[in-house]
Amino acid sequence: MSATVNEGSDTALDPVYRASEVIFGLLMAMSFIGSISVATDGREEVRTLLIAALGCNLAWGLVDAVMHLVATKTQKRRNYALLEKLIGGKDAIEGRALLADEMPAPLAASIGEDGLEQLRQRLSGKTMPTSRPRLTGRDFGDAVIVFFLVVLSTFPLVIPFMLTDDTSRALLWSRLVAVGMLFIAGATLARYSNGSPWWNGIVMATLGALLMAAIMALGG
C-alpha cells in the first residue's frame, strides 16, 4: 500500500533501496575486477576488464531502472484497485481485511481493528480518481537515480587502476575502497533502522566480501 501511505513523500527511493542498489553495483563491478590477477599481462588487458565491468553495470543499471518503473506501475494499479474496492461498498469486515493484507503484519496488529476501521472509513469516503494511475515525472526521475546508483558505484573501484600502473597495488586499493563503501552502506541502513552504524557497517563489509568471493568462485 505504498502509494496510499506515501503518496506525498518526496521520493519512492528510501535508504534501503538506495543502499541495496549501491551494494548490487559494487558486487557486479568486483566480479570483474576480482578476475584481474596481479600477473595480468599488460595494461591493455586490465583496461579491457575495467571496460567490461563498466559495461556490465551500465546494462544492469538500465535493467534495474526499467524494472523499477514496472514495479511502481504495478503498485499504483494495485493501490487503485484497493481504493476502488473500498469505495465500491465492501462491508466493514472485508474492508478491514483488505487493508490488513496490504500492511506488514506487525503494523496491522499494532493498530488493531479500531485503527483499521478508521483507515477504512477515511479511504472509503474519498472520491474515486477520474483516470487510472500513470507513471509520473517523479517515477521516471527515481528510475534515473536507480540507473546512476548502479553505474556510478563502479567508478570508485576503477580509480586506483587509473592512478597507478602497479596492478597489485591497484587491486589492493580497489578492494579496500569496495570494503569501505560496503561499510558505509551498512552504516546507512543502521541509521535508518535505528541500529548500530559501526556494528552493521562491519557486518555489511564482511558479508559483502563473502558474497564477492562466492560470486567469483561461481564464475560470476
N, C-alpha and C. Protein backbone atom coordinates (compact mmCIF):
# COMPACT_ATOMS: atom_id res chain seq x y z
N MET A 1 0.82 -1.19 0.00
CA MET A 1 0.00 0.00 0.00
C MET A 1 0.86 1.25 0.00
N SER A 2 2.02 1.20 -0.63
CA SER A 2 2.97 2.29 -0.55
C SER A 2 2.43 3.58 -1.12
N ALA A 3 1.71 3.52 -2.24
CA ALA A 3 1.21 4.73 -2.84
C ALA A 3 0.12 5.36 -1.99
N THR A 4 -0.66 4.55 -1.27
CA THR A 4 -1.70 5.08 -0.40
C THR A 4 -1.08 5.78 0.79
N VAL A 5 -0.07 5.18 1.36
CA VAL A 5 0.54 5.73 2.56
C VAL A 5 1.54 6.82 2.23
N ASN A 6 2.33 6.64 1.15
CA ASN A 6 3.44 7.52 0.85
C ASN A 6 3.19 8.45 -0.33
N GLU A 7 1.92 8.72 -0.62
CA GLU A 7 1.60 9.48 -1.82
C GLU A 7 2.28 10.83 -1.82
N GLY A 8 2.50 11.39 -0.64
CA GLY A 8 3.09 12.72 -0.60
C GLY A 8 4.57 12.72 -0.32
N SER A 9 5.22 11.59 -0.30
CA SER A 9 6.64 11.54 0.00
C SER A 9 7.45 12.13 -1.13
N ASP A 10 8.66 12.55 -0.84
CA ASP A 10 9.50 13.20 -1.84
C ASP A 10 9.99 12.24 -2.89
N THR A 11 10.24 11.00 -2.51
CA THR A 11 10.79 10.03 -3.45
C THR A 11 10.42 8.62 -3.01
N ALA A 12 10.29 7.73 -3.99
CA ALA A 12 9.98 6.34 -3.66
C ALA A 12 11.23 5.58 -3.26
N LEU A 13 12.40 6.21 -3.40
CA LEU A 13 13.66 5.50 -3.13
C LEU A 13 14.09 5.78 -1.70
N ASP A 14 13.77 4.87 -0.79
CA ASP A 14 14.19 5.05 0.59
C ASP A 14 15.64 4.60 0.76
N PRO A 15 16.25 4.86 1.93
CA PRO A 15 17.65 4.48 2.14
C PRO A 15 17.95 3.01 1.90
N VAL A 16 16.99 2.13 2.21
CA VAL A 16 17.21 0.70 1.98
C VAL A 16 17.38 0.43 0.48
N TYR A 17 16.52 1.04 -0.31
CA TYR A 17 16.57 0.86 -1.77
C TYR A 17 17.89 1.40 -2.31
N ARG A 18 18.26 2.60 -1.89
CA ARG A 18 19.48 3.22 -2.39
C ARG A 18 20.71 2.40 -2.02
N ALA A 19 20.80 2.01 -0.75
CA ALA A 19 21.95 1.23 -0.30
C ALA A 19 22.01 -0.11 -1.03
N SER A 20 20.85 -0.72 -1.25
CA SER A 20 20.82 -2.01 -1.94
C SER A 20 21.33 -1.89 -3.37
N GLU A 21 20.96 -0.80 -4.06
CA GLU A 21 21.42 -0.60 -5.43
C GLU A 21 22.93 -0.39 -5.48
N VAL A 22 23.46 0.37 -4.53
CA VAL A 22 24.91 0.60 -4.47
C VAL A 22 25.64 -0.72 -4.21
N ILE A 23 25.13 -1.50 -3.26
CA ILE A 23 25.77 -2.80 -2.95
C ILE A 23 25.73 -3.70 -4.17
N PHE A 24 24.59 -3.74 -4.86
CA PHE A 24 24.47 -4.55 -6.07
C PHE A 24 25.49 -4.13 -7.11
N GLY A 25 25.61 -2.81 -7.34
CA GLY A 25 26.58 -2.32 -8.31
C GLY A 25 28.01 -2.66 -7.93
N LEU A 26 28.32 -2.54 -6.65
CA LEU A 26 29.66 -2.88 -6.16
C LEU A 26 30.00 -4.34 -6.43
N LEU A 27 29.06 -5.22 -6.10
CA LEU A 27 29.32 -6.65 -6.28
C LEU A 27 29.47 -7.01 -7.75
N MET A 28 28.66 -6.39 -8.61
CA MET A 28 28.77 -6.65 -10.04
C MET A 28 30.13 -6.20 -10.55
N ALA A 29 30.57 -5.01 -10.14
CA ALA A 29 31.86 -4.50 -10.59
C ALA A 29 33.01 -5.36 -10.08
N MET A 30 32.92 -5.77 -8.81
CA MET A 30 34.01 -6.55 -8.22
C MET A 30 34.09 -7.95 -8.81
N SER A 31 32.98 -8.45 -9.38
CA SER A 31 33.06 -9.76 -10.02
C SER A 31 33.97 -9.71 -11.24
N PHE A 32 34.08 -8.53 -11.86
CA PHE A 32 35.00 -8.35 -12.99
C PHE A 32 36.40 -7.99 -12.50
N ILE A 33 36.46 -7.01 -11.61
CA ILE A 33 37.76 -6.55 -11.12
C ILE A 33 38.48 -7.68 -10.38
N GLY A 34 37.71 -8.54 -9.71
CA GLY A 34 38.32 -9.66 -8.99
C GLY A 34 38.99 -10.66 -9.90
N SER A 35 38.62 -10.62 -11.20
CA SER A 35 39.25 -11.55 -12.15
C SER A 35 40.59 -11.05 -12.64
N ILE A 36 40.94 -9.80 -12.27
CA ILE A 36 42.25 -9.26 -12.63
C ILE A 36 43.30 -9.86 -11.72
N SER A 37 44.28 -10.48 -12.27
CA SER A 37 45.35 -11.09 -11.49
C SER A 37 46.53 -10.14 -11.42
N VAL A 38 47.28 -10.22 -10.33
CA VAL A 38 48.49 -9.41 -10.22
C VAL A 38 49.45 -9.75 -11.33
N ALA A 39 49.26 -10.90 -11.94
CA ALA A 39 50.14 -11.31 -13.03
C ALA A 39 49.55 -10.99 -14.40
N THR A 40 48.42 -10.22 -14.40
CA THR A 40 47.79 -9.86 -15.67
C THR A 40 48.81 -9.20 -16.58
N ASP A 41 48.87 -9.68 -17.79
CA ASP A 41 49.92 -9.26 -18.72
C ASP A 41 49.50 -8.03 -19.52
N GLY A 42 49.99 -6.86 -19.09
CA GLY A 42 49.77 -5.64 -19.88
C GLY A 42 48.58 -4.82 -19.44
N ARG A 43 48.72 -3.46 -19.64
CA ARG A 43 47.66 -2.55 -19.28
C ARG A 43 46.43 -2.72 -20.15
N GLU A 44 46.63 -3.19 -21.37
CA GLU A 44 45.50 -3.32 -22.29
C GLU A 44 44.49 -4.35 -21.78
N GLU A 45 45.00 -5.44 -21.20
CA GLU A 45 44.09 -6.45 -20.66
C GLU A 45 43.33 -5.93 -19.46
N VAL A 46 44.03 -5.17 -18.61
CA VAL A 46 43.37 -4.57 -17.45
C VAL A 46 42.29 -3.59 -17.93
N ARG A 47 42.65 -2.80 -18.92
CA ARG A 47 41.70 -1.82 -19.47
C ARG A 47 40.46 -2.52 -20.03
N THR A 48 40.64 -3.63 -20.69
CA THR A 48 39.51 -4.39 -21.25
C THR A 48 38.58 -4.88 -20.15
N LEU A 49 39.16 -5.39 -19.06
CA LEU A 49 38.34 -5.89 -17.95
C LEU A 49 37.60 -4.75 -17.26
N LEU A 50 38.22 -3.59 -17.13
CA LEU A 50 37.57 -2.46 -16.49
C LEU A 50 36.42 -1.94 -17.36
N ILE A 51 36.62 -1.92 -18.67
CA ILE A 51 35.55 -1.52 -19.58
C ILE A 51 34.39 -2.52 -19.49
N ALA A 52 34.73 -3.80 -19.37
CA ALA A 52 33.70 -4.83 -19.22
C ALA A 52 32.90 -4.63 -17.94
N ALA A 53 33.59 -4.25 -16.85
CA ALA A 53 32.90 -4.00 -15.59
C ALA A 53 31.94 -2.83 -15.72
N LEU A 54 32.39 -1.76 -16.36
CA LEU A 54 31.53 -0.59 -16.57
C LEU A 54 30.35 -0.96 -17.47
N GLY A 55 30.62 -1.70 -18.55
CA GLY A 55 29.55 -2.10 -19.46
C GLY A 55 28.51 -2.96 -18.77
N CYS A 56 28.96 -3.86 -17.92
CA CYS A 56 28.05 -4.72 -17.18
C CYS A 56 27.14 -3.90 -16.28
N ASN A 57 27.71 -2.92 -15.55
CA ASN A 57 26.90 -2.10 -14.67
C ASN A 57 25.98 -1.16 -15.43
N LEU A 58 26.40 -0.72 -16.62
CA LEU A 58 25.51 0.08 -17.46
C LEU A 58 24.28 -0.74 -17.84
N ALA A 59 24.53 -1.99 -18.24
CA ALA A 59 23.42 -2.86 -18.65
C ALA A 59 22.48 -3.14 -17.48
N TRP A 60 23.05 -3.50 -16.33
CA TRP A 60 22.21 -3.83 -15.19
C TRP A 60 21.56 -2.59 -14.58
N GLY A 61 22.22 -1.44 -14.70
CA GLY A 61 21.58 -0.20 -14.27
C GLY A 61 20.34 0.08 -15.08
N LEU A 62 20.42 -0.16 -16.39
CA LEU A 62 19.27 0.03 -17.27
C LEU A 62 18.16 -0.96 -16.92
N VAL A 63 18.54 -2.22 -16.70
CA VAL A 63 17.54 -3.24 -16.34
C VAL A 63 16.85 -2.86 -15.02
N ASP A 64 17.64 -2.46 -14.03
CA ASP A 64 17.06 -2.10 -12.73
C ASP A 64 16.13 -0.90 -12.85
N ALA A 65 16.52 0.08 -13.68
CA ALA A 65 15.68 1.27 -13.85
C ALA A 65 14.34 0.90 -14.48
N VAL A 66 14.37 0.07 -15.50
CA VAL A 66 13.13 -0.36 -16.16
C VAL A 66 12.26 -1.16 -15.20
N MET A 67 12.88 -2.07 -14.45
CA MET A 67 12.11 -2.89 -13.51
C MET A 67 11.54 -2.05 -12.37
N HIS A 68 12.24 -0.97 -12.01
CA HIS A 68 11.69 -0.06 -11.01
C HIS A 68 10.39 0.57 -11.52
N LEU A 69 10.38 0.97 -12.79
CA LEU A 69 9.17 1.54 -13.37
C LEU A 69 8.05 0.51 -13.43
N VAL A 70 8.40 -0.74 -13.79
CA VAL A 70 7.39 -1.80 -13.84
C VAL A 70 6.79 -2.03 -12.46
N ALA A 71 7.65 -2.09 -11.43
CA ALA A 71 7.18 -2.32 -10.07
C ALA A 71 6.31 -1.16 -9.58
N THR A 72 6.74 0.07 -9.91
CA THR A 72 5.98 1.25 -9.50
C THR A 72 4.60 1.27 -10.14
N LYS A 73 4.56 0.99 -11.45
CA LYS A 73 3.28 0.95 -12.16
C LYS A 73 2.36 -0.13 -11.58
N THR A 74 2.93 -1.29 -11.29
CA THR A 74 2.14 -2.39 -10.72
C THR A 74 1.56 -2.01 -9.37
N GLN A 75 2.40 -1.36 -8.52
CA GLN A 75 1.93 -0.95 -7.20
C GLN A 75 0.85 0.11 -7.30
N LYS A 76 0.97 1.03 -8.24
CA LYS A 76 -0.06 2.06 -8.44
C LYS A 76 -1.39 1.42 -8.84
N ARG A 77 -1.33 0.45 -9.74
CA ARG A 77 -2.56 -0.24 -10.16
C ARG A 77 -3.19 -1.00 -8.98
N ARG A 78 -2.32 -1.62 -8.18
CA ARG A 78 -2.82 -2.37 -7.01
C ARG A 78 -3.50 -1.43 -6.02
N ASN A 79 -2.90 -0.27 -5.76
CA ASN A 79 -3.48 0.69 -4.84
C ASN A 79 -4.81 1.25 -5.38
N TYR A 80 -4.85 1.45 -6.69
CA TYR A 80 -6.08 1.93 -7.34
C TYR A 80 -7.19 0.90 -7.17
N ALA A 81 -6.84 -0.37 -7.38
CA ALA A 81 -7.84 -1.43 -7.25
C ALA A 81 -8.33 -1.53 -5.80
N LEU A 82 -7.42 -1.34 -4.83
CA LEU A 82 -7.81 -1.39 -3.42
C LEU A 82 -8.79 -0.27 -3.11
N LEU A 83 -8.46 0.94 -3.55
CA LEU A 83 -9.35 2.07 -3.30
C LEU A 83 -10.70 1.87 -3.97
N GLU A 84 -10.67 1.29 -5.16
CA GLU A 84 -11.91 1.03 -5.89
C GLU A 84 -12.80 0.06 -5.11
N LYS A 85 -12.19 -0.96 -4.51
CA LYS A 85 -12.96 -1.93 -3.73
C LYS A 85 -13.53 -1.28 -2.47
N LEU A 86 -12.75 -0.42 -1.81
CA LEU A 86 -13.20 0.21 -0.57
C LEU A 86 -14.34 1.19 -0.84
N ILE A 87 -14.21 1.96 -1.91
CA ILE A 87 -15.25 2.93 -2.26
C ILE A 87 -16.48 2.22 -2.82
N GLY A 88 -16.26 1.06 -3.42
CA GLY A 88 -17.34 0.34 -4.09
C GLY A 88 -18.32 -0.36 -3.17
N GLY A 89 -18.16 -0.16 -1.86
CA GLY A 89 -19.19 -0.68 -0.96
C GLY A 89 -18.85 -2.00 -0.28
N LYS A 90 -17.57 -2.33 -0.18
CA LYS A 90 -17.21 -3.53 0.58
C LYS A 90 -17.66 -3.35 2.03
N ASP A 91 -18.15 -4.44 2.66
CA ASP A 91 -18.57 -4.31 4.05
C ASP A 91 -17.35 -4.08 4.94
N ALA A 92 -17.63 -3.65 6.17
CA ALA A 92 -16.56 -3.23 7.08
C ALA A 92 -15.55 -4.34 7.34
N ILE A 93 -16.03 -5.54 7.56
CA ILE A 93 -15.13 -6.66 7.87
C ILE A 93 -14.20 -6.95 6.69
N GLU A 94 -14.78 -7.01 5.49
CA GLU A 94 -13.97 -7.30 4.31
C GLU A 94 -13.01 -6.15 4.02
N GLY A 95 -13.47 -4.92 4.24
CA GLY A 95 -12.61 -3.76 4.01
C GLY A 95 -11.41 -3.74 4.94
N ARG A 96 -11.65 -4.06 6.22
CA ARG A 96 -10.53 -4.12 7.17
C ARG A 96 -9.56 -5.22 6.80
N ALA A 97 -10.10 -6.33 6.31
CA ALA A 97 -9.24 -7.45 5.91
C ALA A 97 -8.37 -7.05 4.72
N LEU A 98 -8.95 -6.31 3.78
CA LEU A 98 -8.19 -5.86 2.61
C LEU A 98 -7.03 -4.95 3.04
N LEU A 99 -7.31 -4.03 3.96
CA LEU A 99 -6.28 -3.11 4.43
C LEU A 99 -5.20 -3.86 5.21
N ALA A 100 -5.60 -4.81 6.04
CA ALA A 100 -4.63 -5.58 6.83
C ALA A 100 -3.69 -6.36 5.93
N ASP A 101 -4.22 -6.86 4.80
CA ASP A 101 -3.38 -7.63 3.87
C ASP A 101 -2.33 -6.75 3.19
N GLU A 102 -2.59 -5.44 3.10
CA GLU A 102 -1.66 -4.53 2.44
C GLU A 102 -0.59 -4.01 3.40
N MET A 103 -0.72 -4.30 4.67
CA MET A 103 0.21 -3.78 5.67
C MET A 103 1.13 -4.89 6.17
N PRO A 104 2.31 -4.52 6.67
CA PRO A 104 3.12 -5.50 7.40
C PRO A 104 2.31 -6.02 8.59
N ALA A 105 2.39 -7.31 8.84
CA ALA A 105 1.58 -7.91 9.91
C ALA A 105 1.76 -7.23 11.27
N PRO A 106 2.99 -6.89 11.69
CA PRO A 106 3.12 -6.22 13.00
C PRO A 106 2.40 -4.87 13.05
N LEU A 107 2.40 -4.12 11.92
CA LEU A 107 1.73 -2.83 11.89
C LEU A 107 0.21 -3.01 11.99
N ALA A 108 -0.31 -3.96 11.22
CA ALA A 108 -1.75 -4.22 11.26
C ALA A 108 -2.19 -4.65 12.66
N ALA A 109 -1.36 -5.48 13.31
CA ALA A 109 -1.69 -5.94 14.66
C ALA A 109 -1.62 -4.81 15.67
N SER A 110 -0.68 -3.89 15.48
CA SER A 110 -0.49 -2.82 16.47
C SER A 110 -1.61 -1.80 16.43
N ILE A 111 -2.16 -1.52 15.24
CA ILE A 111 -3.23 -0.52 15.18
C ILE A 111 -4.59 -1.14 15.49
N GLY A 112 -4.67 -2.46 15.39
CA GLY A 112 -5.89 -3.16 15.79
C GLY A 112 -7.08 -2.90 14.89
N GLU A 113 -8.21 -3.49 15.26
CA GLU A 113 -9.44 -3.37 14.47
C GLU A 113 -9.93 -1.93 14.42
N ASP A 114 -9.78 -1.20 15.54
CA ASP A 114 -10.25 0.19 15.56
C ASP A 114 -9.45 1.05 14.58
N GLY A 115 -8.14 0.87 14.57
CA GLY A 115 -7.31 1.64 13.65
C GLY A 115 -7.61 1.30 12.20
N LEU A 116 -7.78 0.02 11.92
CA LEU A 116 -8.12 -0.41 10.56
C LEU A 116 -9.47 0.16 10.13
N GLU A 117 -10.42 0.19 11.06
CA GLU A 117 -11.74 0.71 10.73
C GLU A 117 -11.68 2.22 10.44
N GLN A 118 -10.91 2.95 11.21
CA GLN A 118 -10.76 4.38 10.97
C GLN A 118 -10.14 4.63 9.59
N LEU A 119 -9.12 3.83 9.26
CA LEU A 119 -8.48 3.99 7.96
C LEU A 119 -9.44 3.60 6.84
N ARG A 120 -10.22 2.54 7.06
CA ARG A 120 -11.19 2.11 6.04
C ARG A 120 -12.22 3.19 5.78
N GLN A 121 -12.74 3.79 6.85
CA GLN A 121 -13.73 4.85 6.70
C GLN A 121 -13.15 6.06 5.98
N ARG A 122 -11.92 6.38 6.32
CA ARG A 122 -11.28 7.54 5.68
C ARG A 122 -11.09 7.31 4.18
N LEU A 123 -10.63 6.11 3.81
CA LEU A 123 -10.39 5.82 2.40
C LEU A 123 -11.69 5.62 1.63
N SER A 124 -12.67 4.97 2.25
CA SER A 124 -13.93 4.72 1.55
C SER A 124 -14.70 6.01 1.30
N GLY A 125 -14.37 7.07 2.06
CA GLY A 125 -15.03 8.35 1.86
C GLY A 125 -14.39 9.22 0.79
N LYS A 126 -13.29 8.75 0.22
CA LYS A 126 -12.60 9.52 -0.81
C LYS A 126 -13.35 9.41 -2.15
N THR A 127 -13.09 10.38 -3.01
CA THR A 127 -13.65 10.36 -4.36
C THR A 127 -12.73 9.55 -5.26
N MET A 128 -13.30 8.66 -6.04
CA MET A 128 -12.50 7.83 -6.93
C MET A 128 -11.85 8.69 -8.01
N PRO A 129 -10.54 8.54 -8.24
CA PRO A 129 -9.87 9.30 -9.31
C PRO A 129 -10.56 9.08 -10.65
N THR A 130 -10.58 10.14 -11.46
CA THR A 130 -11.26 10.04 -12.76
C THR A 130 -10.46 9.24 -13.78
N SER A 131 -9.16 9.11 -13.57
CA SER A 131 -8.33 8.34 -14.51
C SER A 131 -7.49 7.33 -13.75
N ARG A 132 -7.12 6.29 -14.45
CA ARG A 132 -6.29 5.26 -13.83
C ARG A 132 -4.88 5.80 -13.59
N PRO A 133 -4.18 5.24 -12.60
CA PRO A 133 -2.85 5.77 -12.25
C PRO A 133 -1.85 5.60 -13.38
N ARG A 134 -1.00 6.61 -13.54
CA ARG A 134 0.04 6.58 -14.55
C ARG A 134 1.38 6.91 -13.91
N LEU A 135 2.42 6.57 -14.61
CA LEU A 135 3.77 6.93 -14.14
C LEU A 135 3.94 8.43 -14.25
N THR A 136 4.55 9.02 -13.23
CA THR A 136 4.75 10.46 -13.18
C THR A 136 6.21 10.81 -13.47
N GLY A 137 6.46 12.10 -13.58
CA GLY A 137 7.83 12.55 -13.78
C GLY A 137 8.73 12.13 -12.64
N ARG A 138 8.18 12.12 -11.42
CA ARG A 138 8.98 11.69 -10.27
C ARG A 138 9.36 10.23 -10.37
N ASP A 139 8.44 9.41 -10.88
CA ASP A 139 8.73 7.98 -11.05
C ASP A 139 9.88 7.78 -12.03
N PHE A 140 9.86 8.53 -13.14
CA PHE A 140 10.95 8.42 -14.11
C PHE A 140 12.24 8.98 -13.52
N GLY A 141 12.12 10.02 -12.70
CA GLY A 141 13.31 10.55 -12.03
C GLY A 141 13.92 9.54 -11.09
N ASP A 142 13.06 8.80 -10.36
CA ASP A 142 13.54 7.74 -9.48
C ASP A 142 14.26 6.65 -10.27
N ALA A 143 13.71 6.33 -11.47
CA ALA A 143 14.35 5.31 -12.32
C ALA A 143 15.73 5.77 -12.76
N VAL A 144 15.88 7.05 -13.05
CA VAL A 144 17.19 7.59 -13.42
C VAL A 144 18.16 7.47 -12.25
N ILE A 145 17.67 7.74 -11.03
CA ILE A 145 18.51 7.61 -9.84
C ILE A 145 18.97 6.16 -9.68
N VAL A 146 18.04 5.22 -9.88
CA VAL A 146 18.41 3.80 -9.80
C VAL A 146 19.53 3.48 -10.78
N PHE A 147 19.39 3.96 -12.01
CA PHE A 147 20.40 3.71 -13.04
C PHE A 147 21.76 4.23 -12.60
N PHE A 148 21.81 5.46 -12.14
CA PHE A 148 23.10 6.06 -11.78
C PHE A 148 23.68 5.47 -10.51
N LEU A 149 22.83 5.02 -9.58
CA LEU A 149 23.36 4.38 -8.38
C LEU A 149 24.14 3.12 -8.74
N VAL A 150 23.60 2.33 -9.67
CA VAL A 150 24.28 1.10 -10.08
C VAL A 150 25.55 1.42 -10.87
N VAL A 151 25.43 2.37 -11.82
CA VAL A 151 26.56 2.67 -12.70
C VAL A 151 27.69 3.37 -11.96
N LEU A 152 27.35 4.39 -11.18
CA LEU A 152 28.39 5.19 -10.54
C LEU A 152 29.12 4.43 -9.44
N SER A 153 28.51 3.38 -8.91
CA SER A 153 29.20 2.59 -7.89
C SER A 153 30.43 1.89 -8.45
N THR A 154 30.54 1.83 -9.80
CA THR A 154 31.71 1.21 -10.43
C THR A 154 32.94 2.10 -10.33
N PHE A 155 32.76 3.40 -10.48
CA PHE A 155 33.89 4.30 -10.68
C PHE A 155 34.88 4.35 -9.51
N PRO A 156 34.44 4.38 -8.24
CA PRO A 156 35.43 4.40 -7.16
C PRO A 156 36.37 3.19 -7.19
N LEU A 157 35.88 2.05 -7.71
CA LEU A 157 36.70 0.85 -7.76
C LEU A 157 37.70 0.90 -8.92
N VAL A 158 37.40 1.71 -9.92
CA VAL A 158 38.25 1.80 -11.10
C VAL A 158 39.37 2.82 -10.92
N ILE A 159 39.12 3.84 -10.10
CA ILE A 159 40.08 4.94 -9.95
C ILE A 159 41.49 4.46 -9.60
N PRO A 160 41.68 3.49 -8.67
CA PRO A 160 43.05 3.05 -8.38
C PRO A 160 43.82 2.58 -9.60
N PHE A 161 43.14 1.97 -10.57
CA PHE A 161 43.80 1.49 -11.78
C PHE A 161 44.18 2.65 -12.71
N MET A 162 43.54 3.80 -12.50
CA MET A 162 43.86 4.98 -13.29
C MET A 162 45.02 5.75 -12.70
N LEU A 163 45.30 5.51 -11.42
CA LEU A 163 46.32 6.29 -10.72
C LEU A 163 47.68 5.60 -10.65
N THR A 164 47.71 4.28 -10.89
CA THR A 164 48.98 3.57 -10.82
C THR A 164 49.04 2.46 -11.85
N ASP A 165 50.25 2.18 -12.32
CA ASP A 165 50.46 1.06 -13.25
C ASP A 165 50.74 -0.24 -12.52
N ASP A 166 50.89 -0.15 -11.19
CA ASP A 166 51.15 -1.33 -10.37
C ASP A 166 49.83 -2.07 -10.14
N THR A 167 49.62 -3.17 -10.86
CA THR A 167 48.34 -3.88 -10.80
C THR A 167 48.03 -4.39 -9.40
N SER A 168 49.04 -4.93 -8.71
CA SER A 168 48.81 -5.48 -7.37
C SER A 168 48.38 -4.38 -6.40
N ARG A 169 49.03 -3.22 -6.50
CA ARG A 169 48.65 -2.11 -5.62
C ARG A 169 47.26 -1.60 -5.96
N ALA A 170 46.95 -1.49 -7.24
CA ALA A 170 45.63 -1.03 -7.67
C ALA A 170 44.55 -1.98 -7.19
N LEU A 171 44.80 -3.29 -7.29
CA LEU A 171 43.84 -4.28 -6.81
C LEU A 171 43.58 -4.13 -5.31
N LEU A 172 44.67 -3.93 -4.55
CA LEU A 172 44.54 -3.78 -3.10
C LEU A 172 43.67 -2.57 -2.77
N TRP A 173 43.98 -1.43 -3.41
CA TRP A 173 43.23 -0.21 -3.12
C TRP A 173 41.78 -0.33 -3.59
N SER A 174 41.55 -0.99 -4.72
CA SER A 174 40.20 -1.17 -5.23
C SER A 174 39.37 -1.99 -4.26
N ARG A 175 39.97 -3.06 -3.72
CA ARG A 175 39.26 -3.90 -2.76
C ARG A 175 39.00 -3.16 -1.45
N LEU A 176 39.95 -2.34 -1.03
CA LEU A 176 39.76 -1.55 0.19
C LEU A 176 38.65 -0.53 0.00
N VAL A 177 38.60 0.07 -1.17
CA VAL A 177 37.53 1.02 -1.47
C VAL A 177 36.18 0.32 -1.45
N ALA A 178 36.11 -0.88 -2.03
CA ALA A 178 34.86 -1.65 -2.05
C ALA A 178 34.40 -1.97 -0.62
N VAL A 179 35.34 -2.41 0.21
CA VAL A 179 35.00 -2.72 1.60
C VAL A 179 34.53 -1.47 2.33
N GLY A 180 35.21 -0.35 2.07
CA GLY A 180 34.81 0.92 2.70
C GLY A 180 33.41 1.35 2.29
N MET A 181 33.09 1.19 1.00
CA MET A 181 31.76 1.56 0.53
C MET A 181 30.69 0.63 1.10
N LEU A 182 31.02 -0.64 1.25
CA LEU A 182 30.09 -1.58 1.87
C LEU A 182 29.85 -1.21 3.33
N PHE A 183 30.91 -0.80 4.00
CA PHE A 183 30.78 -0.37 5.40
C PHE A 183 29.83 0.83 5.49
N ILE A 184 30.00 1.81 4.60
CA ILE A 184 29.15 3.00 4.61
C ILE A 184 27.69 2.62 4.33
N ALA A 185 27.49 1.69 3.38
CA ALA A 185 26.13 1.24 3.07
C ALA A 185 25.49 0.58 4.29
N GLY A 186 26.25 -0.25 4.98
CA GLY A 186 25.73 -0.89 6.19
C GLY A 186 25.41 0.11 7.29
N ALA A 187 26.29 1.11 7.46
CA ALA A 187 26.05 2.14 8.47
C ALA A 187 24.82 2.97 8.13
N THR A 188 24.61 3.24 6.84
CA THR A 188 23.43 3.99 6.40
C THR A 188 22.15 3.23 6.72
N LEU A 189 22.16 1.93 6.45
CA LEU A 189 21.00 1.11 6.76
C LEU A 189 20.74 1.07 8.27
N ALA A 190 21.82 1.05 9.05
CA ALA A 190 21.67 1.01 10.51
C ALA A 190 21.05 2.30 11.03
N ARG A 191 21.49 3.44 10.52
CA ARG A 191 20.92 4.71 10.95
C ARG A 191 19.42 4.78 10.59
N TYR A 192 19.07 4.23 9.44
CA TYR A 192 17.67 4.24 9.01
C TYR A 192 16.81 3.35 9.90
N SER A 193 17.38 2.25 10.38
CA SER A 193 16.61 1.28 11.18
C SER A 193 16.91 1.37 12.67
N ASN A 194 17.61 2.45 13.08
CA ASN A 194 17.94 2.67 14.49
C ASN A 194 18.84 1.57 15.04
N GLY A 195 19.77 1.08 14.21
CA GLY A 195 20.73 0.09 14.66
C GLY A 195 22.08 0.74 14.96
N SER A 196 23.09 -0.08 15.17
CA SER A 196 24.43 0.41 15.45
C SER A 196 25.19 0.59 14.14
N PRO A 197 25.54 1.83 13.76
CA PRO A 197 26.24 2.06 12.49
C PRO A 197 27.56 1.30 12.39
N TRP A 198 28.35 1.29 13.47
CA TRP A 198 29.65 0.62 13.42
C TRP A 198 29.48 -0.88 13.24
N TRP A 199 28.62 -1.47 14.05
CA TRP A 199 28.44 -2.92 14.00
C TRP A 199 27.85 -3.34 12.65
N ASN A 200 26.83 -2.66 12.21
CA ASN A 200 26.20 -3.01 10.94
C ASN A 200 27.11 -2.74 9.76
N GLY A 201 27.94 -1.69 9.87
CA GLY A 201 28.90 -1.42 8.82
C GLY A 201 29.90 -2.56 8.68
N ILE A 202 30.40 -3.05 9.82
CA ILE A 202 31.36 -4.16 9.81
C ILE A 202 30.71 -5.43 9.26
N VAL A 203 29.46 -5.69 9.70
CA VAL A 203 28.75 -6.88 9.21
C VAL A 203 28.54 -6.80 7.71
N MET A 204 28.13 -5.62 7.21
CA MET A 204 27.88 -5.48 5.78
C MET A 204 29.16 -5.62 4.98
N ALA A 205 30.26 -5.05 5.47
CA ALA A 205 31.54 -5.18 4.78
C ALA A 205 31.99 -6.64 4.73
N THR A 206 31.81 -7.35 5.84
CA THR A 206 32.17 -8.77 5.88
C THR A 206 31.28 -9.59 4.96
N LEU A 207 29.97 -9.33 5.04
CA LEU A 207 29.02 -10.06 4.18
C LEU A 207 29.29 -9.78 2.71
N GLY A 208 29.60 -8.51 2.39
CA GLY A 208 29.90 -8.16 1.00
C GLY A 208 31.14 -8.86 0.50
N ALA A 209 32.17 -8.94 1.36
CA ALA A 209 33.40 -9.63 0.96
C ALA A 209 33.12 -11.11 0.71
N LEU A 210 32.28 -11.73 1.54
CA LEU A 210 31.94 -13.14 1.36
C LEU A 210 31.13 -13.35 0.08
N LEU A 211 30.17 -12.45 -0.18
CA LEU A 211 29.39 -12.53 -1.41
C LEU A 211 30.26 -12.36 -2.64
N MET A 212 31.23 -11.44 -2.52
CA MET A 212 32.16 -11.20 -3.62
C MET A 212 32.96 -12.46 -3.92
N ALA A 213 33.44 -13.10 -2.87
CA ALA A 213 34.21 -14.34 -3.03
C ALA A 213 33.33 -15.43 -3.64
N ALA A 214 32.07 -15.51 -3.21
CA ALA A 214 31.16 -16.52 -3.75
C ALA A 214 30.87 -16.29 -5.22
N ILE A 215 30.65 -15.02 -5.59
CA ILE A 215 30.39 -14.68 -7.00
C ILE A 215 31.57 -15.08 -7.88
N MET A 216 32.77 -14.78 -7.42
CA MET A 216 33.96 -15.09 -8.18
C MET A 216 34.16 -16.62 -8.26
N ALA A 217 33.90 -17.30 -7.15
CA ALA A 217 34.06 -18.76 -7.13
C ALA A 217 33.09 -19.46 -8.08
N LEU A 218 31.91 -18.85 -8.24
CA LEU A 218 30.89 -19.43 -9.11
C LEU A 218 31.03 -18.98 -10.56
N GLY A 219 32.08 -18.22 -10.81
CA GLY A 219 32.35 -17.78 -12.18
C GLY A 219 31.58 -16.56 -12.60
N GLY A 220 31.03 -15.79 -11.60
CA GLY A 220 30.24 -14.62 -11.94
C GLY A 220 31.09 -13.45 -12.37
